[in-house]
C-alpha atoms as a PDB file:
ATOM      1  CA  MET A   1      21.942 -58.049  41.993  1.00  0.00           C
ATOM      2  CA  ARG A   2      19.664 -55.832  39.920  1.00  0.00           C
ATOM      3  CA  THR A   3      20.740 -52.782  38.035  1.00  0.00           C
ATOM      4  CA  THR A   4      18.470 -50.195  36.605  1.00  0.00           C
ATOM      5  CA  ASP A   5      19.373 -48.582  33.336  1.00  0.00           C
ATOM      6  CA  ARG A   6      18.349 -44.969  33.343  1.00  0.00           C
ATOM      7  CA  THR A   7      18.231 -43.109  30.078  1.00  0.00           C
ATOM      8  CA  LEU A   8      17.064 -39.682  29.219  1.00  0.00           C
ATOM      9  CA  HIS A   9      14.727 -39.663  26.239  1.00  0.00           C
ATOM     10  CA  LEU A  10      15.060 -36.389  24.338  1.00  0.00           C
ATOM     11  CA  GLY A  11      12.502 -37.120  21.672  1.00  0.00           C
ATOM     12  CA  HIS A  12      13.280 -35.528  18.329  1.00  0.00           C
ATOM     13  CA  ALA A  13      16.130 -33.289  19.330  1.00  0.00           C
ATOM     14  CA  ARG A  14      18.137 -32.024  16.398  1.00  0.00           C
ATOM     15  CA  PRO A  15      21.772 -31.078  16.559  1.00  0.00           C
ATOM     16  CA  SER A  16      22.409 -27.392  16.106  1.00  0.00           C
ATOM     17  CA  LEU A  17      23.604 -26.194  12.733  1.00  0.00           C
ATOM     18  CA  PRO A  18      27.215 -25.191  12.280  1.00  0.00           C
ATOM     19  CA  LEU A  19      27.998 -21.503  12.042  1.00  0.00           C
ATOM     20  CA  THR A  20      28.533 -21.568   8.276  1.00  0.00           C
ATOM     21  CA  ALA A  21      25.126 -23.190   7.712  1.00  0.00           C
ATOM     22  CA  ARG A  22      23.418 -20.605   9.922  1.00  0.00           C
ATOM     23  CA  LEU A  23      25.176 -17.777   8.097  1.00  0.00           C
ATOM     24  CA  THR A  24      24.176 -19.257   4.752  1.00  0.00           C
ATOM     25  CA  LEU A  25      20.523 -19.482   5.820  1.00  0.00           C
ATOM     26  CA  ALA A  26      20.593 -15.885   7.080  1.00  0.00           C
ATOM     27  CA  PHE A  27      22.209 -14.668   3.858  1.00  0.00           C
ATOM     28  CA  ASP A  28      19.661 -16.552   1.733  1.00  0.00           C
ATOM     29  CA  LYS A  29      16.800 -14.984   3.696  1.00  0.00           C
ATOM     30  CA  MET A  30      18.259 -11.485   3.328  1.00  0.00           C
ATOM     31  CA  ALA A  31      18.793 -12.058  -0.400  1.00  0.00           C
ATOM     32  CA  SER A  32      15.191 -13.161  -0.905  1.00  0.00           C
ATOM     33  CA  VAL A  33      13.871 -10.104   0.962  1.00  0.00           C
ATOM     34  CA  TRP A  34      16.125  -7.832  -1.111  1.00  0.00           C
ATOM     35  CA  ARG A  35      14.952  -9.532  -4.325  1.00  0.00           C
ATOM     36  CA  ALA A  36      11.297  -9.086  -3.344  1.00  0.00           C
ATOM     37  CA  LEU A  37      11.827  -5.390  -2.585  1.00  0.00           C
ATOM     38  CA  ARG A  38      13.689  -4.883  -5.875  1.00  0.00           C
ATOM     39  CA  ASN A  39      10.924  -6.639  -7.837  1.00  0.00           C
ATOM     40  CA  ARG A  40       8.283  -4.555  -6.052  1.00  0.00           C
ATOM     41  CA  ARG A  41      10.116  -1.394  -7.117  1.00  0.00           C
ATOM     42  CA  GLU A  42      10.312  -2.631 -10.723  1.00  0.00           C
ATOM     43  CA  ILE A  43       6.599  -3.481 -10.735  1.00  0.00           C
ATOM     44  CA  ASN A  44       5.898   0.072  -9.573  1.00  0.00           C
ATOM     45  CA  HIS A  45       7.685   1.219 -12.732  1.00  0.00           C
ATOM     46  CA  LEU A  46       5.220  -0.843 -14.797  1.00  0.00           C
ATOM     47  CA  ASN A  47       2.545   1.667 -13.770  1.00  0.00           C
ATOM     48  CA  GLU A  48       4.324   4.216 -15.966  1.00  0.00           C
ATOM     49  CA  LEU A  49       3.610   2.142 -19.104  1.00  0.00           C
ATOM     50  CA  ASN A  50       0.469   2.779 -21.107  1.00  0.00           C
ATOM     51  CA  ASP A  51      -2.180   0.105 -21.601  1.00  0.00           C
ATOM     52  CA  SER A  52      -0.975  -1.009 -25.034  1.00  0.00           C
ATOM     53  CA  GLN A  53       2.570  -1.492 -23.747  1.00  0.00           C
ATOM     54  CA  LEU A  54       1.250  -3.564 -20.860  1.00  0.00           C
ATOM     55  CA  ARG A  55      -0.820  -5.627 -23.301  1.00  0.00           C
ATOM     56  CA  ASP A  56       2.351  -6.296 -25.314  1.00  0.00           C
ATOM     57  CA  ILE A  57       3.863  -8.064 -22.312  1.00  0.00           C
ATOM     58  CA  GLY A  58       0.615  -9.871 -21.531  1.00  0.00           C
ATOM     59  CA  LEU A  59      -0.560  -7.771 -18.589  1.00  0.00           C
ATOM     60  CA  THR A  60      -3.270  -5.293 -17.735  1.00  0.00           C
ATOM     61  CA  ARG A  61      -3.177  -2.378 -15.359  1.00  0.00           C
ATOM     62  CA  LEU A  62      -5.420  -4.361 -13.035  1.00  0.00           C
ATOM     63  CA  ASP A  63      -2.809  -7.153 -12.917  1.00  0.00           C
ATOM     64  CA  VAL A  64      -0.093  -4.710 -11.863  1.00  0.00           C
ATOM     65  CA  THR A  65      -2.271  -3.134  -9.174  1.00  0.00           C
ATOM     66  CA  ALA A  66      -3.447  -6.509  -7.878  1.00  0.00           C
ATOM     67  CA  ALA A  67       0.121  -7.827  -7.688  1.00  0.00           C
ATOM     68  CA  LEU A  68       1.167  -4.936  -5.494  1.00  0.00           C
ATOM     69  CA  TYR A  69      -1.853  -5.005  -3.200  1.00  0.00           C
ATOM     70  CA  THR A  70      -2.396  -8.748  -2.773  1.00  0.00           C
ATOM     71  CA  SER A  71       1.171  -9.561  -1.735  1.00  0.00           C
ATOM     72  CA  THR A  72       2.549  -8.665   1.666  1.00  0.00           C
ATOM     73  CA  PHE A  73       5.507  -6.339   1.979  1.00  0.00           C
ATOM     74  CA  PHE A  74       8.148  -9.086   2.005  1.00  0.00           C
ATOM     75  CA  GLU A  75       6.490 -11.330  -0.609  1.00  0.00           C
ATOM     76  CA  ASP A  76       7.618 -11.203  -4.193  1.00  0.00           C
ATOM     77  CA  PRO A  77       4.736  -9.829  -6.324  1.00  0.00           C
ATOM     78  CA  SER A  78       6.410 -10.819  -9.588  1.00  0.00           C
ATOM     79  CA  SER A  79       5.133 -14.399  -9.299  1.00  0.00           C
ATOM     80  CA  TYR A  80       1.572 -13.026  -9.371  1.00  0.00           C
ATOM     81  CA  LEU A  81       2.314 -11.146 -12.585  1.00  0.00           C
ATOM     82  CA  THR A  82       3.932 -14.204 -14.163  1.00  0.00           C
ATOM     83  CA  ASN A  83       0.896 -16.332 -13.394  1.00  0.00           C
ATOM     84  CA  SER A  84      -1.495 -13.654 -14.698  1.00  0.00           C
ATOM     85  CA  ALA A  85       0.383 -13.321 -17.970  1.00  0.00           C
ATOM     86  CA  ARG A  86       0.513 -17.104 -18.427  1.00  0.00           C
ATOM     87  CA  ARG A  87      -3.215 -17.487 -17.740  1.00  0.00           C
ATOM     88  CA  ARG A  88      -4.045 -14.752 -20.204  1.00  0.00           C
ATOM     89  CA  THR A  89      -1.768 -16.239 -22.864  1.00  0.00           C
ATOM     90  CA  ARG A  90      -3.334 -19.667 -22.443  1.00  0.00           C
ATOM     91  CA  SER A  91      -6.862 -18.306 -22.624  1.00  0.00           C
ATOM     92  CA  LEU A  92      -6.061 -16.188 -25.680  1.00  0.00           C
ATOM     93  CA  GLY A  93      -4.331 -19.123 -27.316  1.00  0.00           C
ATOM     94  CA  LEU A  94      -7.346 -21.349 -26.793  1.00  0.00           C
ATOM     95  CA  THR A  95      -9.812 -18.757 -28.083  1.00  0.00           C
ATOM     96  CA  SER A  96      -7.758 -18.037 -31.208  1.00  0.00           C
ATOM     97  CA  PHE A  97      -7.371 -21.765 -31.821  1.00  0.00           C
ATOM     98  CA  ARG A  98     -11.141 -22.311 -31.666  1.00  0.00           C
ATOM     99  CA  ARG A  99     -11.858 -19.680 -34.333  1.00  0.00           C
END
C-alpha cells in the first residue's frame, strides 16, 4: 500500500507579533515622529540667532536653511546639522593645524 504525504509549504511565513510588541513598535514610531517635529521646531528657532552666535555653535545660516529644506516633514533635520558642524570643525581643525 502506498501513502502520499501531503504538506503545505508556506515559505517564509512569520508568526504574528504579540499585542505588546505591536504596541511598542507603534509607540516607538510615534515617539520618533514627535521627536523629529520637536527638533524641527527648535531648528526654526536657530534662525533667530545672528551669524556670530551660529558660528559659535559651529553652524552657518545656510546649514540651518539646508537642514530644514533637505529633510522631509517626518525626518529629523538635527542629524544634518550635527554632521555639518562636525565637518566644519574637522576642516577648521586641519587648517589651523597646518599653519
